Amino acid sequence: MPQPKTRWDIFCTVVDNYGDIGVTWRLARQLVAEHALTVRLWVDDLRAFERLCPELDIHLDTQWQQGVEVRHWPAEWPETDAADVVIAAFACQLPTRYMDAMAERQQRPLWLNLDYLSAEDWVVGCHRLPSVKYKSVQRYFFFPGFQPDTGGLLRERNLIEQRQAFQRDRASQRQFLQGLGIAPASDALLISLFAYENPGLASWLDVLAADVSPTHLLVPEGRIVGDVARWLEVESLKAGDLQIRGALTVQVVPFIHQDQYDRLLWCCDFNAVRGEDSFVRAQWAGRPMLWHIYQQDEDIHMDKLDAFLALYTRALSPAAADATSGFWRAWCSGQPVGQHWLAVREHWSQLQSHAEAWSLEQALQADLATALVHFYRNWL
């Protein structure tokens, strides 16, 4: 007789609108599509989730989306059985009644704390280590990462090949952009900007507007739109709005599906991204990029930023590495970045080649979903 599918529960509390749910939604879909698992995704904020999955009905406690059972995580926990594998995303606290259900199982589940992505050295030493127990159930740390002996990065099967084929197909790119109402000039540098609020933005836009070469800036709806509107000296901006200042065309694009956002990144020459999910997707795009890391108390996020930069820039020439690091650090500190952008442009060809090489290097590691499945099979 065929063996029943392994059941997985993924718990997500939405902390910063889209980052946490973005990661867990991608993971849940991949576990179903590529590993034939039964997955329940528990989410406490369905309104934020709806932006990533417009088909979602925020009024339903239980529904199926793309093969995943989506459950609303209510304040009053309903009685439910525990899964074979339980993932608490980003150290979220599981309901006590659910943990009791884990402890009551005859075969104890594998309980994993899926942590935030980091390039810091200590991650390798902590990956897969046991953590605290709840009654008889052992919890383990599981860290995504960029180095061997970490959990790797979320990457769907054949993603790199699909991306490369799309980037070779100019007609497909034009058709995709036209579907979003985007028609950049043939000689324009195409940039996407998805970021938190940033006082350093104005200096970058000043430089782009004063350039002799045209730039088309695509701004997905989000927190940075207000800063763009202030620089443009307009009261507000909405999806579809287009403004021109000198050599710079600014266009606000609607919030789109994750798969569409991937293609938007693939179309662009340069991608400014934020948080974790878009950060990883920009790396798979194989294009030069800028990361707006999530700010933490006492600037500890800068240690995390520097750890990634040390890895990401190690194959660059010293000048290109300095230009990249200077740009990223200034941007994440809210400092003016216009001159840093000019320094980056001096090494453009090298940065383009490096972005593709970095993407291919990271793709040599097992992807995060596969690493999780392998860990479970070895744990049994």
Protein backbone atom coordinates (compact mmCIF):
# COMPACT_ATOMS: atom_id res chain seq x y z
CA MET A 1 0.00 0.00 0.00
CA PRO A 2 1.24 3.53 -0.73
CA GLN A 3 2.58 5.41 2.26
CA PRO A 4 0.53 8.43 3.43
CA LYS A 5 2.00 11.81 2.65
CA THR A 6 4.08 13.43 5.34
CA ARG A 7 2.13 16.28 6.92
CA TRP A 8 3.85 19.60 7.56
CA ASP A 9 2.58 22.60 9.53
CA ILE A 10 4.19 26.01 8.98
CA PHE A 11 3.39 28.82 11.41
CA CYS A 12 3.84 32.46 10.41
CA THR A 13 3.18 35.63 12.35
CA VAL A 14 3.26 38.64 10.04
CA VAL A 15 5.74 41.11 11.53
CA ASP A 16 6.70 43.37 8.64
CA ASN A 17 3.81 43.10 6.19
CA TYR A 18 5.31 40.89 3.47
CA GLY A 19 8.73 39.48 4.37
CA ASP A 20 7.72 36.70 6.74
CA ILE A 21 4.64 35.63 4.83
CA GLY A 22 6.55 35.95 1.55
CA VAL A 23 9.12 33.39 2.66
CA THR A 24 6.65 30.95 4.22
CA TRP A 25 4.24 31.13 1.27
CA ARG A 26 7.01 30.31 -1.18
CA LEU A 27 8.23 27.49 1.05
CA ALA A 28 4.78 25.98 1.49
CA ARG A 29 4.07 26.01 -2.24
CA GLN A 30 7.41 24.41 -3.05
CA LEU A 31 7.03 21.65 -0.47
CA VAL A 32 3.70 20.73 -2.08
CA ALA A 33 4.70 21.12 -5.72
CA GLU A 34 8.16 19.56 -5.66
CA HIS A 35 8.10 17.19 -2.67
CA ALA A 36 4.46 16.00 -2.72
CA LEU A 37 3.90 16.91 0.93
CA THR A 38 0.68 17.86 2.69
CA VAL A 39 1.19 21.37 4.04
CA ARG A 40 -0.89 23.58 6.30
CA LEU A 41 0.19 27.22 6.49
CA TRP A 42 -1.04 28.99 9.63
CA VAL A 43 -1.07 32.79 9.23
CA ASP A 44 -2.27 35.38 11.74
CA ASP A 45 -2.75 38.25 9.26
CA LEU A 46 -4.67 37.24 6.16
CA ARG A 47 -4.96 40.85 4.93
CA ALA A 48 -1.20 41.09 4.46
CA PHE A 49 -1.19 37.63 2.87
CA GLU A 50 -3.89 38.75 0.41
CA ARG A 51 -1.45 41.19 -1.22
CA LEU A 52 0.75 38.24 -2.22
CA CYS A 53 -2.17 35.95 -3.05
CA PRO A 54 -5.15 38.00 -4.29
CA GLU A 55 -7.22 34.83 -4.69
CA LEU A 56 -7.24 34.46 -0.91
CA ASP A 57 -10.56 34.95 0.90
CA ILE A 58 -9.63 36.77 4.11
CA HIS A 59 -12.97 35.81 5.70
CA LEU A 60 -12.33 32.05 5.61
CA ASP A 61 -10.63 30.22 8.44
CA THR A 62 -9.71 27.33 6.12
CA GLN A 63 -9.10 27.32 2.38
CA TRP A 64 -6.88 25.77 -0.29
CA GLN A 65 -4.54 27.89 -2.37
CA GLN A 66 -2.15 26.36 -4.95
CA GLY A 67 -2.24 23.01 -3.16
CA VAL A 68 -1.57 24.49 0.29
CA GLU A 69 -4.14 24.37 3.07
CA VAL A 70 -4.19 27.94 4.37
CA ARG A 71 -5.45 28.30 7.93
CA HIS A 72 -6.16 31.49 9.82
CA TRP A 73 -4.20 31.48 13.08
CA PRO A 74 -6.82 32.79 15.53
CA ALA A 75 -6.34 34.26 18.99
CA GLU A 76 -8.43 31.43 20.40
CA TRP A 77 -6.69 28.27 19.18
CA PRO A 78 -8.98 25.53 17.80
CA GLU A 79 -8.40 21.93 18.75
CA THR A 80 -6.35 20.33 15.97
CA ASP A 81 -3.89 17.50 15.53
CA ALA A 82 -0.17 18.14 15.23
CA ALA A 83 1.71 17.43 11.99
CA ASP A 84 4.73 15.20 11.39
CA VAL A 85 6.95 18.26 10.87
CA VAL A 86 6.27 21.57 12.58
CA ILE A 87 8.02 24.73 11.43
CA ALA A 88 7.89 27.86 13.56
CA ALA A 89 9.00 30.54 11.14
CA PHE A 90 11.28 33.25 12.48
CA ALA A 91 11.01 32.21 16.13
CA CYS A 92 7.26 32.70 16.38
CA GLN A 93 5.70 31.24 19.53
CA LEU A 94 3.45 28.26 18.88
CA PRO A 95 0.08 28.05 20.65
CA THR A 96 0.36 26.12 23.92
CA ARG A 97 -2.52 23.84 22.99
CA TYR A 98 -0.79 22.94 19.74
CA MET A 99 2.45 22.16 21.58
CA ASP A 100 0.46 19.92 23.89
CA ALA A 101 -0.87 18.14 20.81
CA MET A 102 2.72 17.64 19.61
CA ALA A 103 3.67 16.08 22.95
CA GLU A 104 0.65 13.77 22.89
CA ARG A 105 1.56 12.18 19.57
CA GLN A 106 2.84 8.62 19.76
CA GLN A 107 5.47 9.49 17.16
CA ARG A 108 6.85 12.86 18.23
CA PRO A 109 7.03 15.44 15.42
CA LEU A 110 10.15 17.15 14.16
CA TRP A 111 9.96 20.69 15.51
CA LEU A 112 12.04 23.27 13.67
CA ASN A 113 12.67 26.93 14.29
CA LEU A 114 13.26 28.33 10.80
CA ASP A 115 15.37 31.38 11.53
CA TYR A 116 16.15 34.58 9.66
CA LEU A 117 18.67 34.54 6.84
CA SER A 118 22.18 35.64 7.75
CA ALA A 119 25.72 35.36 6.40
CA GLU A 120 27.30 35.67 9.85
CA ASP A 121 29.87 33.00 10.73
CA TRP A 122 28.06 31.77 13.84
CA VAL A 123 25.14 30.54 11.72
CA VAL A 124 27.15 27.55 10.46
CA GLY A 125 27.88 26.43 14.03
CA CYS A 126 24.26 26.75 15.16
CA HIS A 127 22.53 25.23 12.14
CA ARG A 128 20.60 22.03 13.03
CA LEU A 129 21.55 22.19 16.71
CA PRO A 130 18.94 21.11 19.28
CA SER A 131 17.28 23.91 21.22
CA VAL A 132 14.79 23.81 24.09
CA LYS A 133 12.31 21.01 24.64
CA TYR A 134 8.60 21.25 25.31
CA LYS A 135 7.77 18.25 27.45
CA SER A 136 9.17 15.39 25.32
CA VAL A 137 9.38 17.31 22.03
CA GLN A 138 12.80 18.54 20.95
CA ARG A 139 13.15 21.73 18.93
CA TYR A 140 15.98 22.30 16.43
CA PHE A 141 17.45 25.41 14.88
CA PHE A 142 17.40 25.58 11.09
CA PHE A 143 19.24 28.45 9.41
CA PRO A 144 19.03 29.47 5.77
CA GLY A 145 22.36 30.69 4.52
CA PHE A 146 24.88 31.35 1.79
CA GLN A 147 27.62 28.98 2.90
CA PRO A 148 27.97 25.19 2.93
CA ASP A 149 26.60 23.59 6.11
CA THR A 150 23.64 25.97 6.22
CA GLY A 151 20.10 25.43 4.98
CA GLY A 152 20.67 27.26 1.69
CA LEU A 153 18.18 29.61 0.02
CA LEU A 154 14.64 29.20 -1.27
CA ARG A 155 14.93 28.26 -4.94
CA GLU A 156 12.39 26.41 -7.03
CA ARG A 157 13.46 23.64 -9.37
CA ASN A 158 14.80 24.96 -12.71
CA LEU A 159 14.46 28.57 -11.52
CA ILE A 160 17.87 29.61 -12.86
CA GLU A 161 17.24 28.03 -16.25
CA GLN A 162 13.83 29.71 -16.49
CA ARG A 163 15.32 33.07 -15.56
CA GLN A 164 18.15 32.80 -18.07
CA ALA A 165 15.77 31.83 -20.86
CA PHE A 166 13.51 34.78 -20.03
CA GLN A 167 16.42 37.21 -20.00
CA ARG A 168 17.51 36.02 -23.42
CA ASP A 169 14.01 36.57 -24.80
CA ARG A 170 13.57 40.30 -25.35
CA ALA A 171 10.11 39.84 -26.82
CA SER A 172 8.88 38.03 -23.70
CA GLN A 173 10.30 40.77 -21.51
CA ARG A 174 8.58 43.50 -23.53
CA GLN A 175 5.29 41.60 -23.44
CA PHE A 176 5.52 41.15 -19.67
CA LEU A 177 6.33 44.82 -19.05
CA GLN A 178 3.58 45.97 -21.38
CA GLY A 179 1.13 43.88 -19.37
CA LEU A 180 2.01 46.07 -16.39
CA GLY A 181 1.76 49.26 -18.43
CA ILE A 182 5.53 49.70 -18.60
CA ALA A 183 7.17 50.87 -21.85
CA PRO A 184 10.74 52.04 -21.15
CA ALA A 185 12.80 53.72 -23.82
CA SER A 186 15.12 51.28 -25.56
CA ASP A 187 18.23 53.03 -24.19
CA ALA A 188 16.93 53.58 -20.64
CA LEU A 189 18.48 51.92 -17.61
CA LEU A 190 15.64 50.01 -15.94
CA ILE A 191 15.72 50.03 -12.13
CA SER A 192 13.27 48.57 -9.61
CA LEU A 193 12.96 50.19 -6.18
CA PHE A 194 11.35 48.26 -3.32
CA ALA A 195 12.55 49.65 0.01
CA TYR A 196 11.67 50.98 3.42
CA GLU A 197 11.47 54.72 3.95
CA ASN A 198 14.91 56.22 3.34
CA PRO A 199 16.14 59.83 3.65
CA GLY A 200 19.06 58.95 1.36
CA LEU A 201 16.75 58.44 -1.62
CA ALA A 202 16.56 62.10 -2.69
CA SER A 203 20.28 62.28 -3.44
CA TRP A 204 20.07 59.20 -5.64
CA LEU A 205 17.10 60.56 -7.57
CA ASP A 206 18.89 63.91 -8.00
CA VAL A 207 21.82 62.15 -9.67
CA LEU A 208 19.59 60.01 -11.89
CA ALA A 209 17.60 63.06 -13.03
CA ALA A 210 20.78 65.00 -13.85
CA ASP A 211 22.41 62.13 -15.77
CA VAL A 212 23.04 62.35 -19.51
CA SER A 213 21.61 58.84 -19.94
CA PRO A 214 17.93 58.03 -19.29
CA THR A 215 16.73 55.93 -16.36
CA HIS A 216 13.28 54.38 -15.93
CA LEU A 217 12.60 53.78 -12.24
CA LEU A 218 9.88 51.25 -11.35
CA VAL A 219 8.50 51.66 -7.83
CA PRO A 220 6.19 48.86 -6.65
CA GLU A 221 3.55 50.06 -4.21
CA GLY A 222 5.05 50.12 -0.74
CA ARG A 223 6.65 52.16 1.98
CA ILE A 224 9.18 54.03 -0.19
CA VAL A 225 6.48 55.58 -2.40
CA GLY A 226 5.96 58.45 0.05
CA ASP A 227 9.63 59.47 -0.19
CA VAL A 228 9.44 59.36 -3.99
CA ALA A 229 6.33 61.59 -3.94
CA ARG A 230 8.09 64.13 -1.71
CA TRP A 231 11.05 64.28 -4.05
CA LEU A 232 8.70 64.77 -7.01
CA GLU A 233 6.84 67.45 -5.00
CA VAL A 234 3.48 65.81 -5.58
CA GLU A 235 0.88 65.13 -2.93
CA SER A 236 0.69 61.40 -3.50
CA LEU A 237 1.42 58.61 -5.97
CA LYS A 238 -0.62 55.58 -6.92
CA ALA A 239 -0.15 52.58 -9.17
CA GLY A 240 0.05 53.66 -12.81
CA ASP A 241 1.32 57.19 -12.10
CA LEU A 242 4.26 58.29 -14.23
CA GLN A 243 6.40 61.38 -13.70
CA ILE A 244 9.42 62.66 -15.61
CA ARG A 245 12.20 64.80 -14.13
CA GLY A 246 15.14 65.43 -16.42
CA ALA A 247 16.62 62.09 -17.49
CA LEU A 248 14.59 60.19 -14.90
CA THR A 249 11.19 58.60 -15.50
CA VAL A 250 9.46 57.44 -12.32
CA GLN A 251 6.61 54.96 -12.58
CA VAL A 252 4.62 53.40 -9.75
CA VAL A 253 3.62 49.81 -10.45
CA PRO A 254 0.95 47.81 -8.62
CA PHE A 255 1.72 45.21 -6.00
CA ILE A 256 1.99 41.98 -7.97
CA HIS A 257 2.15 38.20 -7.47
CA GLN A 258 5.46 36.72 -6.35
CA ASP A 259 6.02 35.03 -9.72
CA GLN A 260 5.36 38.34 -11.49
CA TYR A 261 7.74 40.14 -9.14
CA ASP A 262 10.42 37.61 -10.04
CA ARG A 263 9.99 38.51 -13.70
CA LEU A 264 10.07 42.20 -12.92
CA LEU A 265 13.44 41.68 -11.25
CA TRP A 266 14.61 39.64 -14.26
CA CYS A 267 13.67 42.50 -16.60
CA CYS A 268 15.53 45.20 -14.70
CA ASP A 269 19.16 46.19 -15.02
CA PHE A 270 19.41 46.99 -11.32
CA ASN A 271 17.22 45.99 -8.38
CA ALA A 272 16.88 47.74 -5.02
CA VAL A 273 15.16 45.37 -2.60
CA ARG A 274 14.35 45.11 1.08
CA GLY A 275 13.89 42.56 3.86
CA GLU A 276 14.48 38.88 3.15
CA ASP A 277 12.20 37.50 0.44
CA SER A 278 12.91 40.12 -2.24
CA PHE A 279 16.59 40.09 -1.19
CA VAL A 280 16.91 36.43 -2.14
CA ARG A 281 14.87 36.84 -5.33
CA ALA A 282 17.10 39.70 -6.48
CA GLN A 283 20.12 37.41 -6.14
CA TRP A 284 18.45 34.78 -8.31
CA ALA A 285 17.81 37.54 -10.90
CA GLY A 286 21.54 37.67 -11.62
CA ARG A 287 21.59 41.47 -11.86
CA PRO A 288 23.43 44.13 -9.81
CA MET A 289 21.45 44.96 -6.70
CA LEU A 290 21.10 46.99 -3.52
CA TRP A 291 19.72 45.64 -0.24
CA HIS A 292 17.81 47.70 2.31
CA ILE A 293 18.21 45.56 5.40
CA TYR A 294 15.56 45.66 8.13
CA GLN A 295 16.71 48.08 10.84
CA GLN A 296 17.27 46.72 14.34
CA ASP A 297 18.01 48.30 17.70
CA GLU A 298 21.57 49.47 18.37
CA ASP A 299 22.37 49.07 14.66
CA ILE A 300 23.05 45.35 15.01
CA HIS A 301 21.64 44.94 11.50
CA MET A 302 24.83 46.54 10.20
CA ASP A 303 26.84 43.53 11.43
CA LYS A 304 24.54 41.32 9.41
CA LEU A 305 24.94 43.61 6.40
CA ASP A 306 28.74 43.60 6.66
CA ALA A 307 28.82 39.81 6.95
CA PHE A 308 26.92 39.48 3.68
CA LEU A 309 29.02 42.12 1.94
CA ALA A 310 32.20 40.29 2.93
CA LEU A 311 30.92 37.21 1.10
CA TYR A 312 29.24 38.96 -1.80
CA THR A 313 32.16 41.23 -2.73
CA ARG A 314 35.08 38.86 -2.19
CA ALA A 315 35.39 38.05 -5.92
CA LEU A 316 35.25 41.71 -6.98
CA SER A 317 38.20 43.97 -7.60
CA PRO A 318 39.05 46.13 -4.54
CA ALA A 319 37.64 49.24 -6.23
CA ALA A 320 34.38 47.56 -7.23
CA ALA A 321 34.04 45.99 -3.79
CA ASP A 322 34.56 49.37 -2.11
CA ALA A 323 32.01 51.03 -4.39
CA THR A 324 29.42 48.34 -3.70
CA SER A 325 30.00 48.28 0.05
CA GLY A 326 29.98 52.06 0.29
CA PHE A 327 26.67 52.26 -1.56
CA TRP A 328 24.99 49.58 0.54
CA ARG A 329 26.21 50.91 3.89
CA ALA A 330 25.19 54.49 3.09
CA TRP A 331 21.76 53.34 1.90
CA CYS A 332 21.15 51.25 5.01
CA SER A 333 22.24 54.16 7.20
CA GLY A 334 19.92 56.64 5.51
CA GLN A 335 22.83 58.72 4.23
CA PRO A 336 23.07 60.45 0.81
CA VAL A 337 23.93 57.88 -1.85
CA GLY A 338 24.15 59.88 -5.08
CA GLN A 339 27.93 59.86 -5.26
CA HIS A 340 28.04 56.21 -4.25
CA TRP A 341 25.79 55.41 -7.22
CA LEU A 342 28.23 57.16 -9.56
CA ALA A 343 31.06 55.08 -8.09
CA VAL A 344 29.07 51.88 -8.68
CA ARG A 345 28.43 52.87 -12.31
CA GLU A 346 32.18 53.06 -12.93
CA HIS A 347 32.35 49.29 -12.41
CA TRP A 348 29.11 48.38 -14.16
CA SER A 349 30.37 45.67 -16.49
CA GLN A 350 32.19 43.88 -13.67
CA LEU A 351 29.16 44.10 -11.39
CA GLN A 352 26.91 42.63 -14.07
CA SER A 353 29.20 39.64 -14.57
CA HIS A 354 29.60 39.21 -10.83
CA ALA A 355 25.84 39.19 -10.15
CA GLU A 356 25.34 36.32 -12.59
CA ALA A 357 28.34 34.40 -11.22
CA TRP A 358 27.10 34.84 -7.64
CA SER A 359 23.68 33.53 -8.60
CA LEU A 360 25.17 30.43 -10.20
CA GLU A 361 27.49 29.86 -7.24
CA GLN A 362 24.61 29.96 -4.77
CA ALA A 363 22.57 27.62 -6.97
CA LEU A 364 25.20 24.90 -6.45
CA GLN A 365 23.90 24.43 -2.90
CA ALA A 366 20.77 22.51 -2.03
CA ASP A 367 17.74 24.77 -1.88
CA LEU A 368 16.06 25.45 1.46
CA ALA A 369 12.97 23.28 0.88
CA THR A 370 15.10 20.30 -0.18
CA ALA A 371 17.44 20.81 2.78
CA LEU A 372 14.46 20.74 5.16
CA VAL A 373 13.12 17.54 3.62
CA HIS A 374 16.54 15.86 3.81
CA PHE A 375 16.92 16.87 7.44
CA TYR A 376 13.57 15.29 8.28
CA ARG A 377 14.40 12.04 6.47
CA ASN A 378 17.76 11.79 8.26
CA TRP A 379 16.10 12.57 11.60
CA LEU A 380 13.62 9.71 11.34
